[in-house]
Amino acid sequence: MPAPPLLKRDWQKDHVYLIQFPRAGCIPSLSPFALKLETWLRMAGIQYSNISNEFKKYSTKRQIPFIEVNGRQIADSNFCIDHLTESFHVDMDSQLSPSEKAQARAFHVLLEESIRW
């Protein structure tokens, strides 16, 4: 299967391009998934650029947000974070005890799967 066409064709190595809805006036994004992903990028200290989808550009999975990194498109905020964690060797939980990691996972699942707007 051929790779999907990239929005950022002149990409830089190890630079993340975050494609999301246009910025809102009062918050970085109206999408909770885009807000989660952008917050994670900031906390991880990974260089990224925002690219507005102008309400017409979507990933091959028809999702927003998605990222392009090193010539590859990754959709779904959780898959994006998993990919970036592995590619950039990020371990935000390194200072947590096993009990704290379990609590963090429980809150993550609660927020992602049970609390919807």
PDB file of N, CA and C in Angstrom:
ATOM      1  N   MET A   1       0.848  -1.185   0.000  1.00  0.00           N
ATOM      2  CA  MET A   1       0.000   0.000   0.000  1.00  0.00           C
ATOM      3  C   MET A   1       0.895   1.250   0.000  1.00  0.00           C
ATOM      4  N   PRO A   2       0.693   2.184  -0.925  1.00  0.00           N
ATOM      5  CA  PRO A   2       1.535   3.376  -0.980  1.00  0.00           C
ATOM      6  C   PRO A   2       1.274   4.296   0.209  1.00  0.00           C
ATOM      7  N   ALA A   3       2.301   5.048   0.582  1.00  0.00           N
ATOM      8  CA  ALA A   3       2.173   5.997   1.688  1.00  0.00           C
ATOM      9  C   ALA A   3       1.215   7.118   1.290  1.00  0.00           C
ATOM     10  N   PRO A   4       0.461   7.655   2.261  1.00  0.00           N
ATOM     11  CA  PRO A   4      -0.464   8.745   1.948  1.00  0.00           C
ATOM     12  C   PRO A   4       0.313  10.006   1.576  1.00  0.00           C
ATOM     13  N   PRO A   5      -0.283  10.877   0.759  1.00  0.00           N
ATOM     14  CA  PRO A   5       0.399  12.132   0.431  1.00  0.00           C
ATOM     15  C   PRO A   5       0.530  13.002   1.678  1.00  0.00           C
ATOM     16  N   LEU A   6       1.662  13.639   1.812  1.00  0.00           N
ATOM     17  CA  LEU A   6       1.916  14.481   2.976  1.00  0.00           C
ATOM     18  C   LEU A   6       1.445  15.907   2.721  1.00  0.00           C
ATOM     19  N   LEU A   7       0.962  16.560   3.773  1.00  0.00           N
ATOM     20  CA  LEU A   7       0.622  17.974   3.665  1.00  0.00           C
ATOM     21  C   LEU A   7       1.895  18.814   3.685  1.00  0.00           C
ATOM     22  N   LYS A   8       2.872  18.378   4.465  1.00  0.00           N
ATOM     23  CA  LYS A   8       4.150  19.085   4.585  1.00  0.00           C
ATOM     24  C   LYS A   8       5.185  18.301   3.793  1.00  0.00           C
ATOM     25  N   ARG A   9       5.341  18.664   2.535  1.00  0.00           N
ATOM     26  CA  ARG A   9       6.238  17.900   1.657  1.00  0.00           C
ATOM     27  C   ARG A   9       7.708  18.226   1.893  1.00  0.00           C
ATOM     28  N   ASP A  10       8.003  19.429   2.368  1.00  0.00           N
ATOM     29  CA  ASP A  10       9.389  19.814   2.628  1.00  0.00           C
ATOM     30  C   ASP A  10       9.709  19.689   4.125  1.00  0.00           C
ATOM     31  N   TRP A  11       9.389  18.539   4.694  1.00  0.00           N
ATOM     32  CA  TRP A  11       9.525  18.300   6.129  1.00  0.00           C
ATOM     33  C   TRP A  11      10.992  18.239   6.550  1.00  0.00           C
ATOM     34  N   GLN A  12      11.180  18.554   7.848  1.00  0.00           N
ATOM     35  CA  GLN A  12      12.508  18.476   8.463  1.00  0.00           C
ATOM     36  C   GLN A  12      12.563  17.236   9.337  1.00  0.00           C
ATOM     37  N   LYS A  13      13.716  16.609   9.364  1.00  0.00           N
ATOM     38  CA  LYS A  13      13.897  15.398  10.168  1.00  0.00           C
ATOM     39  C   LYS A  13      13.628  15.694  11.646  1.00  0.00           C
ATOM     40  N   ASP A  14      12.904  14.791  12.284  1.00  0.00           N
ATOM     41  CA  ASP A  14      12.575  14.853  13.710  1.00  0.00           C
ATOM     42  C   ASP A  14      11.790  16.101  14.118  1.00  0.00           C
ATOM     43  N   HIS A  15      11.124  16.725  13.186  1.00  0.00           N
ATOM     44  CA  HIS A  15      10.225  17.833  13.500  1.00  0.00           C
ATOM     45  C   HIS A  15       8.801  17.331  13.288  1.00  0.00           C
ATOM     46  N   VAL A  16       7.947  17.569  14.263  1.00  0.00           N
ATOM     47  CA  VAL A  16       6.566  17.084  14.217  1.00  0.00           C
ATOM     48  C   VAL A  16       5.667  18.186  13.663  1.00  0.00           C
ATOM     49  N   TYR A  17       4.827  17.809  12.727  1.00  0.00           N
ATOM     50  CA  TYR A  17       3.831  18.718  12.167  1.00  0.00           C
ATOM     51  C   TYR A  17       2.470  18.243  12.657  1.00  0.00           C
ATOM     52  N   LEU A  18       1.847  19.074  13.481  1.00  0.00           N
ATOM     53  CA  LEU A  18       0.556  18.755  14.093  1.00  0.00           C
ATOM     54  C   LEU A  18      -0.547  19.388  13.258  1.00  0.00           C
ATOM     55  N   ILE A  19      -1.339  18.559  12.629  1.00  0.00           N
ATOM     56  CA  ILE A  19      -2.433  19.053  11.796  1.00  0.00           C
ATOM     57  C   ILE A  19      -3.710  18.971  12.621  1.00  0.00           C
ATOM     58  N   GLN A  20      -4.342  20.135  12.794  1.00  0.00           N
ATOM     59  CA  GLN A  20      -5.546  20.198  13.609  1.00  0.00           C
ATOM     60  C   GLN A  20      -6.456  21.299  13.087  1.00  0.00           C
ATOM     61  N   PHE A  21      -7.612  21.433  13.725  1.00  0.00           N
ATOM     62  CA  PHE A  21      -8.560  22.470  13.339  1.00  0.00           C
ATOM     63  C   PHE A  21      -7.940  23.844  13.561  1.00  0.00           C
ATOM     64  N   PRO A  22      -8.468  24.886  12.891  1.00  0.00           N
ATOM     65  CA  PRO A  22      -7.955  26.241  13.115  1.00  0.00           C
ATOM     66  C   PRO A  22      -8.055  26.625  14.592  1.00  0.00           C
ATOM     67  N   ARG A  23      -7.128  27.461  15.016  1.00  0.00           N
ATOM     68  CA  ARG A  23      -7.096  27.913  16.406  1.00  0.00           C
ATOM     69  C   ARG A  23      -8.376  28.649  16.779  1.00  0.00           C
ATOM     70  N   ALA A  24      -8.811  28.455  18.019  1.00  0.00           N
ATOM     71  CA  ALA A  24      -9.938  29.205  18.573  1.00  0.00           C
ATOM     72  C   ALA A  24      -9.365  30.435  19.277  1.00  0.00           C
ATOM     73  N   GLY A  25     -10.185  31.433  19.466  1.00  0.00           N
ATOM     74  CA  GLY A  25      -9.698  32.658  20.080  1.00  0.00           C
ATOM     75  C   GLY A  25      -9.291  32.513  21.532  1.00  0.00           C
ATOM     76  N   CYS A  26      -9.989  31.663  22.283  1.00  0.00           N
ATOM     77  CA  CYS A  26      -9.764  31.611  23.728  1.00  0.00           C
ATOM     78  C   CYS A  26      -8.960  30.395  24.195  1.00  0.00           C
ATOM     79  N   ILE A  27      -8.859  29.352  23.389  1.00  0.00           N
ATOM     80  CA  ILE A  27      -8.080  28.163  23.752  1.00  0.00           C
ATOM     81  C   ILE A  27      -7.340  27.661  22.513  1.00  0.00           C
ATOM     82  N   PRO A  28      -6.277  26.893  22.714  1.00  0.00           N
ATOM     83  CA  PRO A  28      -5.512  26.410  21.551  1.00  0.00           C
ATOM     84  C   PRO A  28      -6.327  25.569  20.575  1.00  0.00           C
ATOM     85  N   SER A  29      -7.297  24.800  21.075  1.00  0.00           N
ATOM     86  CA  SER A  29      -8.093  23.960  20.182  1.00  0.00           C
ATOM     87  C   SER A  29      -9.445  23.658  20.802  1.00  0.00           C
ATOM     88  N   LEU A  30     -10.444  23.553  19.950  1.00  0.00           N
ATOM     89  CA  LEU A  30     -11.768  23.143  20.413  1.00  0.00           C
ATOM     90  C   LEU A  30     -11.876  21.628  20.525  1.00  0.00           C
ATOM     91  N   SER A  31     -10.934  20.917  19.926  1.00  0.00           N
ATOM     92  CA  SER A  31     -10.935  19.455  19.965  1.00  0.00           C
ATOM     93  C   SER A  31     -10.183  18.955  21.196  1.00  0.00           C
ATOM     94  N   PRO A  32     -10.827  18.143  22.041  1.00  0.00           N
ATOM     95  CA  PRO A  32     -10.109  17.619  23.203  1.00  0.00           C
ATOM     96  C   PRO A  32      -8.938  16.722  22.794  1.00  0.00           C
ATOM     97  N   PHE A  33      -9.048  16.054  21.662  1.00  0.00           N
ATOM     98  CA  PHE A  33      -7.971  15.167  21.216  1.00  0.00           C
ATOM     99  C   PHE A  33      -6.765  15.975  20.736  1.00  0.00           C
ATOM    100  N   ALA A  34      -7.023  17.070  20.031  1.00  0.00           N
ATOM    101  CA  ALA A  34      -5.934  17.949  19.597  1.00  0.00           C
ATOM    102  C   ALA A  34      -5.299  18.637  20.800  1.00  0.00           C
ATOM    103  N   LEU A  35      -6.122  19.053  21.748  1.00  0.00           N
ATOM    104  CA  LEU A  35      -5.616  19.697  22.959  1.00  0.00           C
ATOM    105  C   LEU A  35      -4.732  18.731  23.744  1.00  0.00           C
ATOM    106  N   LYS A  36      -5.161  17.480  23.845  1.00  0.00           N
ATOM    107  CA  LYS A  36      -4.368  16.454  24.535  1.00  0.00           C
ATOM    108  C   LYS A  36      -3.027  16.263  23.840  1.00  0.00           C
ATOM    109  N   LEU A  37      -3.048  16.129  22.524  1.00  0.00           N
ATOM    110  CA  LEU A  37      -1.822  15.867  21.777  1.00  0.00           C
ATOM    111  C   LEU A  37      -0.869  17.059  21.832  1.00  0.00           C
ATOM    112  N   GLU A  38      -1.386  18.263  21.673  1.00  0.00           N
ATOM    113  CA  GLU A  38      -0.510  19.438  21.731  1.00  0.00           C
ATOM    114  C   GLU A  38       0.068  19.629  23.131  1.00  0.00           C
ATOM    115  N   THR A  39      -0.737  19.403  24.154  1.00  0.00           N
ATOM    116  CA  THR A  39      -0.234  19.491  25.529  1.00  0.00           C
ATOM    117  C   THR A  39       0.865  18.469  25.761  1.00  0.00           C
ATOM    118  N   TRP A  40       0.670  17.246  25.273  1.00  0.00           N
ATOM    119  CA  TRP A  40       1.681  16.198  25.422  1.00  0.00           C
ATOM    120  C   TRP A  40       2.981  16.608  24.724  1.00  0.00           C
ATOM    121  N   LEU A  41       2.881  17.146  23.507  1.00  0.00           N
ATOM    122  CA  LEU A  41       4.073  17.595  22.777  1.00  0.00           C
ATOM    123  C   LEU A  41       4.833  18.654  23.568  1.00  0.00           C
ATOM    124  N   ARG A  42       4.099  19.593  24.155  1.00  0.00           N
ATOM    125  CA  ARG A  42       4.744  20.642  24.960  1.00  0.00           C
ATOM    126  C   ARG A  42       5.428  20.044  26.185  1.00  0.00           C
ATOM    127  N   MET A  43       4.731  19.151  26.874  1.00  0.00           N
ATOM    128  CA  MET A  43       5.310  18.541  28.080  1.00  0.00           C
ATOM    129  C   MET A  43       6.534  17.691  27.750  1.00  0.00           C
ATOM    130  N   ALA A  44       6.524  17.041  26.596  1.00  0.00           N
ATOM    131  CA  ALA A  44       7.644  16.190  26.189  1.00  0.00           C
ATOM    132  C   ALA A  44       8.812  17.005  25.646  1.00  0.00           C
ATOM    133  N   GLY A  45       8.587  18.282  25.365  1.00  0.00           N
ATOM    134  CA  GLY A  45       9.655  19.127  24.839  1.00  0.00           C
ATOM    135  C   GLY A  45      10.027  18.802  23.402  1.00  0.00           C
ATOM    136  N   ILE A  46       9.073  18.286  22.639  1.00  0.00           N
ATOM    137  CA  ILE A  46       9.323  17.914  21.246  1.00  0.00           C
ATOM    138  C   ILE A  46       8.980  19.102  20.345  1.00  0.00           C
ATOM    139  N   GLN A  47       9.900  19.425  19.431  1.00  0.00           N
ATOM    140  CA  GLN A  47       9.674  20.515  18.486  1.00  0.00           C
ATOM    141  C   GLN A  47       8.524  20.170  17.555  1.00  0.00           C
ATOM    142  N   TYR A  48       7.585  21.100  17.418  1.00  0.00           N
ATOM    143  CA  TYR A  48       6.452  20.855  16.527  1.00  0.00           C
ATOM    144  C   TYR A  48       5.965  22.164  15.931  1.00  0.00           C
ATOM    145  N   SER A  49       5.236  22.050  14.857  1.00  0.00           N
ATOM    146  CA  SER A  49       4.579  23.189  14.221  1.00  0.00           C
ATOM    147  C   SER A  49       3.115  22.841  14.030  1.00  0.00           C
ATOM    148  N   ASN A  50       2.266  23.827  14.259  1.00  0.00           N
ATOM    149  CA  ASN A  50       0.837  23.656  14.003  1.00  0.00           C
ATOM    150  C   ASN A  50       0.541  23.934  12.541  1.00  0.00           C
ATOM    151  N   ILE A  51      -0.280  23.094  11.960  1.00  0.00           N
ATOM    152  CA  ILE A  51      -0.768  23.317  10.606  1.00  0.00           C
ATOM    153  C   ILE A  51      -2.287  23.231  10.675  1.00  0.00           C
ATOM    154  N   SER A  52      -2.952  24.313  10.277  1.00  0.00           N
ATOM    155  CA  SER A  52      -4.417  24.319  10.277  1.00  0.00           C
ATOM    156  C   SER A  52      -4.929  23.459   9.133  1.00  0.00           C
ATOM    157  N   ASN A  53      -5.917  22.640   9.436  1.00  0.00           N
ATOM    158  CA  ASN A  53      -6.500  21.810   8.375  1.00  0.00           C
ATOM    159  C   ASN A  53      -7.520  22.588   7.554  1.00  0.00           C
ATOM    160  N   GLU A  54      -7.814  23.829   7.979  1.00  0.00           N
ATOM    161  CA  GLU A  54      -8.757  24.704   7.276  1.00  0.00           C
ATOM    162  C   GLU A  54     -10.111  24.026   7.058  1.00  0.00           C
ATOM    163  N   PHE A  55     -10.445  23.102   7.943  1.00  0.00           N
ATOM    164  CA  PHE A  55     -11.697  22.346   7.896  1.00  0.00           C
ATOM    165  C   PHE A  55     -11.837  21.494   6.633  1.00  0.00           C
ATOM    166  N   LYS A  56     -10.727  21.196   5.954  1.00  0.00           N
ATOM    167  CA  LYS A  56     -10.842  20.376   4.751  1.00  0.00           C
ATOM    168  C   LYS A  56      -9.789  19.298   4.598  1.00  0.00           C
ATOM    169  N   LYS A  57      -8.765  19.288   5.407  1.00  0.00           N
ATOM    170  CA  LYS A  57      -7.721  18.271   5.270  1.00  0.00           C
ATOM    171  C   LYS A  57      -7.804  17.305   6.445  1.00  0.00           C
ATOM    172  N   TYR A  58      -7.841  16.023   6.129  1.00  0.00           N
ATOM    173  CA  TYR A  58      -7.952  14.993   7.158  1.00  0.00           C
ATOM    174  C   TYR A  58      -6.910  13.914   6.903  1.00  0.00           C
ATOM    175  N   SER A  59      -6.683  13.091   7.904  1.00  0.00           N
ATOM    176  CA  SER A  59      -5.771  11.962   7.739  1.00  0.00           C
ATOM    177  C   SER A  59      -6.420  10.924   6.830  1.00  0.00           C
ATOM    178  N   THR A  60      -5.651   9.925   6.472  1.00  0.00           N
ATOM    179  CA  THR A  60      -6.210   8.845   5.652  1.00  0.00           C
ATOM    180  C   THR A  60      -7.307   8.099   6.403  1.00  0.00           C
ATOM    181  N   LYS A  61      -7.299   8.195   7.736  1.00  0.00           N
ATOM    182  CA  LYS A  61      -8.362   7.587   8.549  1.00  0.00           C
ATOM    183  C   LYS A  61      -9.539   8.544   8.727  1.00  0.00           C
ATOM    184  N   ARG A  62      -9.449   9.728   8.083  1.00  0.00           N
ATOM    185  CA  ARG A  62     -10.479  10.773   8.188  1.00  0.00           C
ATOM    186  C   ARG A  62     -10.572  11.320   9.603  1.00  0.00           C
ATOM    187  N   GLN A  63      -9.437  11.422  10.277  1.00  0.00           N
ATOM    188  CA  GLN A  63      -9.401  11.906  11.654  1.00  0.00           C
ATOM    189  C   GLN A  63      -8.607  13.204  11.762  1.00  0.00           C
ATOM    190  N   ILE A  64      -8.964  13.963  12.782  1.00  0.00           N
ATOM    191  CA  ILE A  64      -8.248  15.156  13.204  1.00  0.00           C
ATOM    192  C   ILE A  64      -8.142  15.057  14.711  1.00  0.00           C
ATOM    193  N   PRO A  65      -7.032  15.290  15.324  1.00  0.00           N
ATOM    194  CA  PRO A  65      -5.760  15.698  14.744  1.00  0.00           C
ATOM    195  C   PRO A  65      -4.980  14.502  14.210  1.00  0.00           C
ATOM    196  N   PHE A  66      -3.931  14.824  13.465  1.00  0.00           N
ATOM    197  CA  PHE A  66      -2.948  13.815  13.091  1.00  0.00           C
ATOM    198  C   PHE A  66      -1.604  14.502  12.982  1.00  0.00           C
ATOM    199  N   ILE A  67      -0.560  13.722  12.917  1.00  0.00           N
ATOM    200  CA  ILE A  67       0.780  14.289  12.804  1.00  0.00           C
ATOM    201  C   ILE A  67       1.463  13.756  11.556  1.00  0.00           C
ATOM    202  N   GLU A  68       2.427  14.518  11.111  1.00  0.00           N
ATOM    203  CA  GLU A  68       3.367  14.064  10.103  1.00  0.00           C
ATOM    204  C   GLU A  68       4.750  14.233  10.713  1.00  0.00           C
ATOM    205  N   VAL A  69       5.518  13.171  10.677  1.00  0.00           N
ATOM    206  CA  VAL A  69       6.870  13.214  11.239  1.00  0.00           C
ATOM    207  C   VAL A  69       7.762  12.298  10.411  1.00  0.00           C
ATOM    208  N   ASN A  70       8.894  12.827  10.012  1.00  0.00           N
ATOM    209  CA  ASN A  70       9.875  12.088   9.213  1.00  0.00           C
ATOM    210  C   ASN A  70       9.245  11.415   7.990  1.00  0.00           C
ATOM    211  N   GLY A  71       8.371  12.158   7.317  1.00  0.00           N
ATOM    212  CA  GLY A  71       7.765  11.664   6.085  1.00  0.00           C
ATOM    213  C   GLY A  71       6.670  10.644   6.267  1.00  0.00           C
ATOM    214  N   ARG A  72       6.149  10.561   7.473  1.00  0.00           N
ATOM    215  CA  ARG A  72       5.115   9.571   7.779  1.00  0.00           C
ATOM    216  C   ARG A  72       3.907  10.243   8.417  1.00  0.00           C
ATOM    217  N   GLN A  73       2.710   9.802   8.058  1.00  0.00           N
ATOM    218  CA  GLN A  73       1.483  10.326   8.646  1.00  0.00           C
ATOM    219  C   GLN A  73       0.973   9.349   9.700  1.00  0.00           C
ATOM    220  N   ILE A  74       0.638   9.884  10.889  1.00  0.00           N
ATOM    221  CA  ILE A  74       0.084   9.053  11.961  1.00  0.00           C
ATOM    222  C   ILE A  74      -1.183   9.731  12.459  1.00  0.00           C
ATOM    223  N   ALA A  75      -2.276   8.973  12.499  1.00  0.00           N
ATOM    224  CA  ALA A  75      -3.564   9.494  12.954  1.00  0.00           C
ATOM    225  C   ALA A  75      -3.926   8.876  14.300  1.00  0.00           C
ATOM    226  N   ASP A  76      -4.908   9.469  14.957  1.00  0.00           N
ATOM    227  CA  ASP A  76      -5.410   9.068  16.274  1.00  0.00           C
ATOM    228  C   ASP A  76      -4.424   9.558  17.333  1.00  0.00           C
ATOM    229  N   SER A  77      -4.903  10.419  18.216  1.00  0.00           N
ATOM    230  CA  SER A  77      -4.016  11.043  19.203  1.00  0.00           C
ATOM    231  C   SER A  77      -3.265  10.020  20.053  1.00  0.00           C
ATOM    232  N   ASN A  78      -3.906   8.915  20.405  1.00  0.00           N
ATOM    233  CA  ASN A  78      -3.205   7.897  21.199  1.00  0.00           C
ATOM    234  C   ASN A  78      -2.095   7.223  20.399  1.00  0.00           C
ATOM    235  N   PHE A  79      -2.351   6.912  19.122  1.00  0.00           N
ATOM    236  CA  PHE A  79      -1.308   6.327  18.274  1.00  0.00           C
ATOM    237  C   PHE A  79      -0.173   7.324  18.062  1.00  0.00           C
ATOM    238  N   CYS A  80      -0.520   8.607  17.924  1.00  0.00           N
ATOM    239  CA  CYS A  80       0.507   9.643  17.770  1.00  0.00           C
ATOM    240  C   CYS A  80       1.426   9.672  18.987  1.00  0.00           C
ATOM    241  N   ILE A  81       0.832   9.671  20.168  1.00  0.00           N
ATOM    242  CA  ILE A  81       1.625   9.716  21.401  1.00  0.00           C
ATOM    243  C   ILE A  81       2.470   8.460  21.534  1.00  0.00           C
ATOM    244  N   ASP A  82       1.904   7.300  21.238  1.00  0.00           N
ATOM    245  CA  ASP A  82       2.682   6.050  21.292  1.00  0.00           C
ATOM    246  C   ASP A  82       3.866   6.102  20.334  1.00  0.00           C
ATOM    247  N   HIS A  83       3.628   6.562  19.114  1.00  0.00           N
ATOM    248  CA  HIS A  83       4.699   6.641  18.114  1.00  0.00           C
ATOM    249  C   HIS A  83       5.796   7.611  18.558  1.00  0.00           C
ATOM    250  N   LEU A  84       5.394   8.785  19.037  1.00  0.00           N
ATOM    251  CA  LEU A  84       6.368   9.787  19.461  1.00  0.00           C
ATOM    252  C   LEU A  84       7.140   9.345  20.698  1.00  0.00           C
ATOM    253  N   THR A  85       6.462   8.657  21.616  1.00  0.00           N
ATOM    254  CA  THR A  85       7.130   8.137  22.810  1.00  0.00           C
ATOM    255  C   THR A  85       8.266   7.206  22.413  1.00  0.00           C
ATOM    256  N   GLU A  86       7.988   6.334  21.464  1.00  0.00           N
ATOM    257  CA  GLU A  86       9.003   5.379  21.010  1.00  0.00           C
ATOM    258  C   GLU A  86      10.083   6.058  20.165  1.00  0.00           C
ATOM    259  N   SER A  87       9.684   6.897  19.237  1.00  0.00           N
ATOM    260  CA  SER A  87      10.635   7.526  18.312  1.00  0.00           C
ATOM    261  C   SER A  87      11.574   8.510  18.995  1.00  0.00           C
ATOM    262  N   PHE A  88      11.047   9.263  19.970  1.00  0.00           N
ATOM    263  CA  PHE A  88      11.845  10.289  20.633  1.00  0.00           C
ATOM    264  C   PHE A  88      12.324   9.854  22.022  1.00  0.00           C
ATOM    265  N   HIS A  89      12.096   8.598  22.366  1.00  0.00           N
ATOM    266  CA  HIS A  89      12.546   8.021  23.645  1.00  0.00           C
ATOM    267  C   HIS A  89      12.081   8.865  24.839  1.00  0.00           C
ATOM    268  N   VAL A  90      10.778   9.118  24.875  1.00  0.00           N
ATOM    269  CA  VAL A  90      10.170   9.915  25.939  1.00  0.00           C
ATOM    270  C   VAL A  90       9.570   8.970  26.971  1.00  0.00           C
ATOM    271  N   ASP A  91       9.875   9.207  28.246  1.00  0.00           N
ATOM    272  CA  ASP A  91       9.266   8.433  29.331  1.00  0.00           C
ATOM    273  C   ASP A  91       8.817   9.403  30.412  1.00  0.00           C
ATOM    274  N   MET A  92       7.618   9.911  30.255  1.00  0.00           N
ATOM    275  CA  MET A  92       7.103  10.891  31.212  1.00  0.00           C
ATOM    276  C   MET A  92       6.765  10.273  32.560  1.00  0.00           C
ATOM    277  N   ASP A  93       6.665   8.959  32.602  1.00  0.00           N
ATOM    278  CA  ASP A  93       6.305   8.288  33.848  1.00  0.00           C
ATOM    279  C   ASP A  93       7.514   7.732  34.593  1.00  0.00           C
ATOM    280  N   SER A  94       8.705   8.093  34.190  1.00  0.00           N
ATOM    281  CA  SER A  94       9.909   7.486  34.776  1.00  0.00           C
ATOM    282  C   SER A  94      10.041   7.751  36.275  1.00  0.00           C
ATOM    283  N   GLN A  95       9.484   8.842  36.762  1.00  0.00           N
ATOM    284  CA  GLN A  95       9.595   9.181  38.185  1.00  0.00           C
ATOM    285  C   GLN A  95       8.445   8.615  39.031  1.00  0.00           C
ATOM    286  N   LEU A  96       7.509   7.923  38.390  1.00  0.00           N
ATOM    287  CA  LEU A  96       6.350   7.403  39.120  1.00  0.00           C
ATOM    288  C   LEU A  96       6.616   6.005  39.665  1.00  0.00           C
ATOM    289  N   SER A  97       6.031   5.734  40.823  1.00  0.00           N
ATOM    290  CA  SER A  97       6.089   4.386  41.393  1.00  0.00           C
ATOM    291  C   SER A  97       5.105   3.501  40.630  1.00  0.00           C
ATOM    292  N   PRO A  98       5.199   2.180  40.778  1.00  0.00           N
ATOM    293  CA  PRO A  98       4.221   1.298  40.125  1.00  0.00           C
ATOM    294  C   PRO A  98       2.776   1.642  40.510  1.00  0.00           C
ATOM    295  N   SER A  99       2.554   1.992  41.764  1.00  0.00           N
ATOM    296  CA  SER A  99       1.214   2.360  42.215  1.00  0.00           C
ATOM    297  C   SER A  99       0.739   3.643  41.524  1.00  0.00           C
ATOM    298  N   GLU A 100       1.618   4.626  41.415  1.00  0.00           N
ATOM    299  CA  GLU A 100       1.261   5.881  40.752  1.00  0.00           C
ATOM    300  C   GLU A 100       1.007   5.663  39.256  1.00  0.00           C
ATOM    301  N   LYS A 101       1.783   4.772  38.644  1.00  0.00           N
ATOM    302  CA  LYS A 101       1.559   4.453  37.232  1.00  0.00           C
ATOM    303  C   LYS A 101       0.186   3.809  37.035  1.00  0.00           C
ATOM    304  N   ALA A 102      -0.206   2.941  37.954  1.00  0.00           N
ATOM    305  CA  ALA A 102      -1.520   2.297  37.878  1.00  0.00           C
ATOM    306  C   ALA A 102      -2.637   3.330  38.037  1.00  0.00           C
ATOM    307  N   GLN A 103      -2.465   4.256  38.972  1.00  0.00           N
ATOM    308  CA  GLN A 103      -3.461   5.311  39.158  1.00  0.00           C
ATOM    309  C   GLN A 103      -3.554   6.204  37.919  1.00  0.00           C
ATOM    310  N   ALA A 104      -2.414   6.542  37.350  1.00  0.00           N
ATOM    311  CA  ALA A 104      -2.401   7.373  36.142  1.00  0.00           C
ATOM    312  C   ALA A 104      -3.125   6.667  35.000  1.00  0.00           C
ATOM    313  N   ARG A 105      -2.884   5.377  34.865  1.00  0.00           N
ATOM    314  CA  ARG A 105      -3.548   4.599  33.809  1.00  0.00           C
ATOM    315  C   ARG A 105      -5.061   4.567  34.034  1.00  0.00           C
ATOM    316  N   ALA A 106      -5.476   4.400  35.289  1.00  0.00           N
ATOM    317  CA  ALA A 106      -6.910   4.374  35.611  1.00  0.00           C
ATOM    318  C   ALA A 106      -7.569   5.710  35.258  1.00  0.00           C
ATOM    319  N   PHE A 107      -6.916   6.817  35.598  1.00  0.00           N
ATOM    320  CA  PHE A 107      -7.460   8.130  35.252  1.00  0.00           C
ATOM    321  C   PHE A 107      -7.489   8.334  33.741  1.00  0.00           C
ATOM    322  N   HIS A 108      -6.463   7.866  33.076  1.00  0.00           N
ATOM    323  CA  HIS A 108      -6.403   7.975  31.615  1.00  0.00           C
ATOM    324  C   HIS A 108      -7.605   7.262  30.986  1.00  0.00           C
ATOM    325  N   VAL A 109      -7.847   6.040  31.395  1.00  0.00           N
ATOM    326  CA  VAL A 109      -8.970   5.267  30.847  1.00  0.00           C
ATOM    327  C   VAL A 109     -10.298   5.930  31.205  1.00  0.00           C
ATOM    328  N   LEU A 110     -10.428   6.400  32.443  1.00  0.00           N
ATOM    329  CA  LEU A 110     -11.657   7.081  32.862  1.00  0.00           C
ATOM    330  C   LEU A 110     -11.938   8.283  31.964  1.00  0.00           C
ATOM    331  N   LEU A 111     -10.930   9.119  31.765  1.00  0.00           N
ATOM    332  CA  LEU A 111     -11.120  10.324  30.958  1.00  0.00           C
ATOM    333  C   LEU A 111     -11.367  10.010  29.485  1.00  0.00           C
ATOM    334  N   GLU A 112     -10.636   9.049  28.951  1.00  0.00           N
ATOM    335  CA  GLU A 112     -10.748   8.735  27.521  1.00  0.00           C
ATOM    336  C   GLU A 112     -12.015   7.947  27.180  1.00  0.00           C
ATOM    337  N   GLU A 113     -12.416   7.049  28.053  1.00  0.00           N
ATOM    338  CA  GLU A 113     -13.486   6.113  27.707  1.00  0.00           C
ATOM    339  C   GLU A 113     -14.831   6.396  28.373  1.00  0.00           C
ATOM    340  N   SER A 114     -14.834   7.056  29.521  1.00  0.00           N
ATOM    341  CA  SER A 114     -16.086   7.201  30.265  1.00  0.00           C
ATOM    342  C   SER A 114     -16.636   8.617  30.307  1.00  0.00           C
ATOM    343  N   ILE A 115     -15.773   9.592  30.319  1.00  0.00           N
ATOM    344  CA  ILE A 115     -16.237  10.980  30.414  1.00  0.00           C
ATOM    345  C   ILE A 115     -16.195  11.581  29.022  1.00  0.00           C
ATOM    346  N   ARG A 116     -17.353  11.759  28.441  1.00  0.00           N
ATOM    347  CA  ARG A 116     -17.471  12.323  27.086  1.00  0.00           C
ATOM    348  C   ARG A 116     -18.339  13.560  27.149  1.00  0.00           C
ATOM    349  N   TRP A 117     -18.153  14.433  26.214  1.00  0.00           N
ATOM    350  CA  TRP A 117     -18.987  15.629  26.145  1.00  0.00           C
ATOM    351  C   TRP A 117     -19.934  15.557  24.996  1.00  0.00           C
TER     352      TRP A 117
END
